[in-house]
Amino acid sequence: MSLRQKQVRFARMVGELIAQAFALGYEVTLGDAYRDARVHGEIGEKKGYGHPKSCHKLRLAIDLNLFKDGVYRIDTRSHQPLGEWWEARGGSWGGRFNDPNHYSLEHDGMR
């Protein structure tokens, strides 16, 4: 699958992810989606914050800010129902590596 095809698949999945978050009673705001290589380095290069092989650099990851009853939820437990739903659809969830608000198509650009 080409990178463009992966990006299209990911964009569609993110729409479904956001709809599922609302269906579970959360409100959502968007966090990091794309990390520009000019600021964060090319894939494999550590520059700025984040992992050198971050899927954000490939437009294959997004961070979601979840709110429940007006309270910002960053803990793994709050993200778990959404994260497991995401994984069941082929995504990689950051709750498995101490980054619970991270949802990606792949993990660290390695697939």
N, C-alpha and C. Protein backbone atom coordinates (compact mmCIF):
# COMPACT_ATOMS: atom_id res chain seq x y z
N MET A 1 0.85 -1.17 0.00
CA MET A 1 0.00 0.00 0.00
C MET A 1 0.90 1.24 0.00
N SER A 2 0.59 2.20 -0.85
CA SER A 2 1.40 3.42 -0.93
C SER A 2 1.12 4.31 0.29
N LEU A 3 2.01 5.26 0.53
CA LEU A 3 1.82 6.19 1.64
C LEU A 3 0.52 6.96 1.46
N ARG A 4 0.24 7.42 0.26
CA ARG A 4 -1.01 8.15 0.02
C ARG A 4 -2.22 7.29 0.35
N GLN A 5 -2.20 6.04 -0.05
CA GLN A 5 -3.32 5.14 0.26
C GLN A 5 -3.47 4.94 1.77
N LYS A 6 -2.35 4.85 2.47
CA LYS A 6 -2.39 4.73 3.93
C LYS A 6 -2.99 5.99 4.55
N GLN A 7 -2.58 7.16 4.03
CA GLN A 7 -3.08 8.42 4.56
C GLN A 7 -4.59 8.55 4.35
N VAL A 8 -5.07 8.12 3.21
CA VAL A 8 -6.51 8.16 2.93
C VAL A 8 -7.25 7.21 3.87
N ARG A 9 -6.73 6.01 4.04
CA ARG A 9 -7.34 5.05 4.97
C ARG A 9 -7.37 5.62 6.39
N PHE A 10 -6.24 6.20 6.81
CA PHE A 10 -6.16 6.76 8.15
C PHE A 10 -7.16 7.90 8.34
N ALA A 11 -7.28 8.79 7.37
CA ALA A 11 -8.21 9.91 7.48
C ALA A 11 -9.64 9.40 7.66
N ARG A 12 -10.00 8.38 6.91
CA ARG A 12 -11.34 7.80 7.05
C ARG A 12 -11.52 7.20 8.44
N MET A 13 -10.50 6.47 8.91
CA MET A 13 -10.57 5.85 10.23
C MET A 13 -10.70 6.89 11.33
N VAL A 14 -10.00 8.03 11.20
CA VAL A 14 -10.06 9.08 12.21
C VAL A 14 -11.47 9.65 12.31
N GLY A 15 -12.13 9.83 11.17
CA GLY A 15 -13.52 10.29 11.21
C GLY A 15 -14.40 9.34 12.01
N GLU A 16 -14.21 8.05 11.79
CA GLU A 16 -14.97 7.05 12.53
C GLU A 16 -14.60 7.05 14.01
N LEU A 17 -13.31 7.25 14.30
CA LEU A 17 -12.82 7.31 15.68
C LEU A 17 -13.48 8.46 16.44
N ILE A 18 -13.53 9.61 15.82
CA ILE A 18 -14.14 10.77 16.45
C ILE A 18 -15.64 10.53 16.69
N ALA A 19 -16.31 9.96 15.71
CA ALA A 19 -17.73 9.64 15.88
C ALA A 19 -17.93 8.65 17.03
N GLN A 20 -17.04 7.66 17.13
CA GLN A 20 -17.13 6.69 18.22
C GLN A 20 -16.90 7.35 19.57
N ALA A 21 -15.96 8.28 19.64
CA ALA A 21 -15.71 8.99 20.90
C ALA A 21 -16.98 9.70 21.36
N PHE A 22 -17.66 10.39 20.46
CA PHE A 22 -18.90 11.06 20.82
C PHE A 22 -19.98 10.06 21.21
N ALA A 23 -20.03 8.92 20.51
CA ALA A 23 -21.00 7.88 20.83
C ALA A 23 -20.76 7.32 22.24
N LEU A 24 -19.51 7.33 22.69
CA LEU A 24 -19.17 6.86 24.03
C LEU A 24 -19.36 7.94 25.10
N GLY A 25 -19.83 9.11 24.69
CA GLY A 25 -20.12 10.17 25.64
C GLY A 25 -18.98 11.15 25.89
N TYR A 26 -17.96 11.10 25.06
CA TYR A 26 -16.85 12.04 25.19
C TYR A 26 -17.06 13.24 24.28
N GLU A 27 -16.42 14.34 24.63
CA GLU A 27 -16.22 15.45 23.71
C GLU A 27 -14.76 15.35 23.27
N VAL A 28 -14.45 15.83 22.08
CA VAL A 28 -13.11 15.67 21.52
C VAL A 28 -12.62 17.00 20.97
N THR A 29 -11.36 17.30 21.25
CA THR A 29 -10.65 18.33 20.51
C THR A 29 -9.41 17.65 19.91
N LEU A 30 -8.85 18.28 18.91
CA LEU A 30 -7.73 17.67 18.19
C LEU A 30 -6.39 18.16 18.74
N GLY A 31 -5.48 17.22 18.86
CA GLY A 31 -4.09 17.52 19.22
C GLY A 31 -3.23 17.41 17.97
N ASP A 32 -1.97 17.03 18.16
CA ASP A 32 -1.05 16.90 17.03
C ASP A 32 -1.57 15.91 16.00
N ALA A 33 -1.49 16.31 14.74
CA ALA A 33 -1.79 15.39 13.65
C ALA A 33 -0.57 15.29 12.75
N TYR A 34 -0.01 16.41 12.32
CA TYR A 34 1.14 16.39 11.42
C TYR A 34 2.31 17.12 12.07
N ARG A 35 3.46 16.51 12.02
CA ARG A 35 4.69 17.14 12.50
C ARG A 35 5.60 17.37 11.30
N ASP A 36 5.76 18.60 10.95
CA ASP A 36 6.53 19.02 9.80
C ASP A 36 8.00 18.63 9.95
N ALA A 37 8.55 17.99 8.92
CA ALA A 37 9.95 17.55 8.95
C ALA A 37 10.93 18.71 9.11
N ARG A 38 10.55 19.90 8.66
CA ARG A 38 11.45 21.06 8.81
C ARG A 38 11.64 21.43 10.27
N VAL A 39 10.65 21.09 11.10
CA VAL A 39 10.71 21.40 12.52
C VAL A 39 11.11 20.17 13.34
N HIS A 40 10.59 19.01 12.97
CA HIS A 40 10.76 17.80 13.78
C HIS A 40 11.71 16.77 13.17
N GLY A 41 12.30 17.08 12.02
CA GLY A 41 13.24 16.17 11.38
C GLY A 41 12.52 15.16 10.50
N GLU A 42 13.27 14.60 9.58
CA GLU A 42 12.74 13.55 8.71
C GLU A 42 12.48 12.30 9.53
N ILE A 43 11.75 11.35 8.96
CA ILE A 43 11.49 10.10 9.66
C ILE A 43 12.82 9.44 10.02
N GLY A 44 12.95 9.08 11.27
CA GLY A 44 14.19 8.49 11.77
C GLY A 44 15.13 9.49 12.41
N GLU A 45 14.86 10.78 12.24
CA GLU A 45 15.71 11.84 12.80
C GLU A 45 15.04 12.43 14.03
N LYS A 46 15.80 12.53 15.11
CA LYS A 46 15.29 13.13 16.36
C LYS A 46 15.57 14.63 16.32
N LYS A 47 14.49 15.40 16.28
CA LYS A 47 14.59 16.85 16.26
C LYS A 47 13.31 17.37 16.89
N GLY A 48 13.41 18.22 17.88
CA GLY A 48 12.21 18.68 18.57
C GLY A 48 11.69 17.60 19.49
N TYR A 49 10.41 17.66 19.80
CA TYR A 49 9.82 16.65 20.68
C TYR A 49 9.28 15.49 19.84
N GLY A 50 8.99 14.41 20.48
CA GLY A 50 8.42 13.26 19.80
C GLY A 50 9.46 12.23 19.40
N HIS A 51 8.98 11.09 19.00
CA HIS A 51 9.82 9.96 18.61
C HIS A 51 10.40 10.18 17.21
N PRO A 52 11.65 9.77 16.98
CA PRO A 52 12.25 9.95 15.65
C PRO A 52 11.46 9.29 14.52
N LYS A 53 10.77 8.19 14.82
CA LYS A 53 10.02 7.48 13.78
C LYS A 53 8.51 7.71 13.92
N SER A 54 8.14 8.84 14.48
CA SER A 54 6.73 9.15 14.73
C SER A 54 5.90 9.11 13.45
N CYS A 55 4.77 8.46 13.53
CA CYS A 55 3.82 8.43 12.41
C CYS A 55 3.18 9.79 12.16
N HIS A 56 3.30 10.70 13.12
CA HIS A 56 2.81 12.06 12.89
C HIS A 56 3.55 12.68 11.71
N LYS A 57 4.81 12.32 11.52
CA LYS A 57 5.62 12.85 10.41
C LYS A 57 5.13 12.35 9.06
N LEU A 58 4.40 11.24 9.07
CA LEU A 58 3.88 10.65 7.84
C LEU A 58 2.39 10.93 7.63
N ARG A 59 1.81 11.70 8.52
CA ARG A 59 0.36 11.98 8.51
C ARG A 59 -0.45 10.70 8.74
N LEU A 60 0.08 9.86 9.62
CA LEU A 60 -0.58 8.61 9.95
C LEU A 60 -0.87 8.48 11.44
N ALA A 61 -0.90 9.62 12.15
CA ALA A 61 -1.17 9.60 13.59
C ALA A 61 -1.85 10.91 13.99
N ILE A 62 -2.64 10.80 15.05
CA ILE A 62 -3.29 11.98 15.62
C ILE A 62 -3.38 11.79 17.13
N ASP A 63 -3.29 12.89 17.84
CA ASP A 63 -3.53 12.89 19.28
C ASP A 63 -4.92 13.50 19.50
N LEU A 64 -5.74 12.79 20.26
CA LEU A 64 -7.09 13.28 20.57
C LEU A 64 -7.15 13.69 22.03
N ASN A 65 -7.73 14.84 22.27
CA ASN A 65 -7.97 15.31 23.62
C ASN A 65 -9.41 14.95 23.98
N LEU A 66 -9.57 14.08 24.97
CA LEU A 66 -10.89 13.64 25.38
C LEU A 66 -11.35 14.42 26.60
N PHE A 67 -12.64 14.75 26.60
CA PHE A 67 -13.27 15.40 27.74
C PHE A 67 -14.51 14.61 28.10
N LYS A 68 -14.70 14.39 29.38
CA LYS A 68 -15.89 13.71 29.90
C LYS A 68 -16.45 14.60 30.99
N ASP A 69 -17.70 14.99 30.85
CA ASP A 69 -18.34 15.90 31.80
C ASP A 69 -17.53 17.17 31.99
N GLY A 70 -16.95 17.66 30.90
CA GLY A 70 -16.18 18.90 30.91
C GLY A 70 -14.77 18.78 31.46
N VAL A 71 -14.36 17.57 31.84
CA VAL A 71 -13.03 17.37 32.43
C VAL A 71 -12.11 16.71 31.40
N TYR A 72 -10.93 17.30 31.21
CA TYR A 72 -9.93 16.75 30.30
C TYR A 72 -9.40 15.43 30.84
N ARG A 73 -9.42 14.40 30.01
CA ARG A 73 -9.00 13.06 30.42
C ARG A 73 -7.78 12.63 29.63
N ILE A 74 -6.64 12.54 30.27
CA ILE A 74 -5.40 12.12 29.62
C ILE A 74 -4.98 10.72 30.05
N ASP A 75 -5.65 10.18 31.07
CA ASP A 75 -5.23 8.89 31.61
C ASP A 75 -5.61 7.73 30.68
N THR A 76 -4.81 6.68 30.76
CA THR A 76 -5.01 5.50 29.92
C THR A 76 -6.39 4.90 30.11
N ARG A 77 -6.84 4.83 31.33
CA ARG A 77 -8.13 4.21 31.63
C ARG A 77 -9.28 4.91 30.90
N SER A 78 -9.24 6.24 30.84
CA SER A 78 -10.30 6.98 30.14
C SER A 78 -10.28 6.72 28.64
N HIS A 79 -9.08 6.58 28.08
CA HIS A 79 -8.94 6.35 26.64
C HIS A 79 -9.14 4.89 26.25
N GLN A 80 -9.09 3.97 27.21
CA GLN A 80 -9.07 2.55 26.90
C GLN A 80 -10.24 2.06 26.04
N PRO A 81 -11.50 2.42 26.35
CA PRO A 81 -12.59 1.92 25.49
C PRO A 81 -12.43 2.38 24.03
N LEU A 82 -11.99 3.59 23.84
CA LEU A 82 -11.78 4.12 22.50
C LEU A 82 -10.54 3.49 21.87
N GLY A 83 -9.49 3.33 22.66
CA GLY A 83 -8.26 2.72 22.16
C GLY A 83 -8.46 1.29 21.71
N GLU A 84 -9.19 0.53 22.48
CA GLU A 84 -9.45 -0.86 22.11
C GLU A 84 -10.36 -0.94 20.88
N TRP A 85 -11.31 -0.03 20.78
CA TRP A 85 -12.16 0.05 19.58
C TRP A 85 -11.28 0.32 18.35
N TRP A 86 -10.34 1.25 18.50
CA TRP A 86 -9.41 1.62 17.41
C TRP A 86 -8.55 0.43 17.01
N GLU A 87 -8.02 -0.28 17.98
CA GLU A 87 -7.18 -1.45 17.69
C GLU A 87 -7.97 -2.53 16.95
N ALA A 88 -9.23 -2.72 17.31
CA ALA A 88 -10.06 -3.74 16.67
C ALA A 88 -10.27 -3.44 15.19
N ARG A 89 -10.05 -2.20 14.80
CA ARG A 89 -10.20 -1.80 13.41
C ARG A 89 -8.86 -1.68 12.69
N GLY A 90 -7.80 -2.16 13.33
CA GLY A 90 -6.49 -2.21 12.68
C GLY A 90 -5.55 -1.08 13.03
N GLY A 91 -5.94 -0.20 13.94
CA GLY A 91 -5.06 0.90 14.34
C GLY A 91 -4.13 0.52 15.46
N SER A 92 -3.22 1.42 15.75
CA SER A 92 -2.29 1.26 16.87
C SER A 92 -2.61 2.34 17.89
N TRP A 93 -2.81 1.95 19.13
CA TRP A 93 -3.20 2.87 20.18
C TRP A 93 -2.04 3.12 21.14
N GLY A 94 -1.79 4.38 21.44
CA GLY A 94 -0.68 4.77 22.31
C GLY A 94 -0.82 4.35 23.76
N GLY A 95 -1.98 3.92 24.19
CA GLY A 95 -2.14 3.42 25.55
C GLY A 95 -1.28 2.19 25.81
N ARG A 96 -0.82 1.56 24.76
CA ARG A 96 0.06 0.39 24.89
C ARG A 96 1.51 0.80 25.12
N PHE A 97 1.82 2.09 24.92
CA PHE A 97 3.19 2.57 25.13
C PHE A 97 3.22 3.94 25.81
N ASN A 98 2.37 4.08 26.83
CA ASN A 98 2.37 5.25 27.72
C ASN A 98 2.09 6.57 27.00
N ASP A 99 1.22 6.55 26.00
CA ASP A 99 0.81 7.76 25.28
C ASP A 99 -0.67 7.61 24.93
N PRO A 100 -1.56 7.60 25.95
CA PRO A 100 -2.94 7.18 25.74
C PRO A 100 -3.77 8.01 24.77
N ASN A 101 -3.39 9.26 24.49
CA ASN A 101 -4.21 10.05 23.57
C ASN A 101 -3.72 9.94 22.12
N HIS A 102 -2.80 9.02 21.85
CA HIS A 102 -2.20 8.82 20.52
C HIS A 102 -2.91 7.67 19.79
N TYR A 103 -3.36 7.98 18.58
CA TYR A 103 -4.02 7.00 17.72
C TYR A 103 -3.33 7.05 16.36
N SER A 104 -2.81 5.90 15.91
CA SER A 104 -2.10 5.89 14.63
C SER A 104 -2.51 4.69 13.80
N LEU A 105 -2.19 4.75 12.52
CA LEU A 105 -2.45 3.62 11.66
C LEU A 105 -1.40 2.55 11.92
N GLU A 106 -0.19 2.99 12.17
CA GLU A 106 0.94 2.11 12.43
C GLU A 106 1.61 2.59 13.70
N HIS A 107 2.63 1.89 14.10
CA HIS A 107 3.40 2.30 15.27
C HIS A 107 4.79 2.71 14.84
N ASP A 108 5.15 3.97 15.04
CA ASP A 108 6.48 4.51 14.73
C ASP A 108 6.90 4.31 13.28
N GLY A 109 5.97 4.37 12.35
CA GLY A 109 6.31 4.31 10.93
C GLY A 109 7.00 3.02 10.51
N MET A 110 6.76 1.94 11.24
CA MET A 110 7.52 0.72 11.01
C MET A 110 6.80 -0.32 10.15
N ARG A 111 5.51 -0.17 9.86
CA ARG A 111 4.81 -1.20 9.07
C ARG A 111 4.88 -0.88 7.60
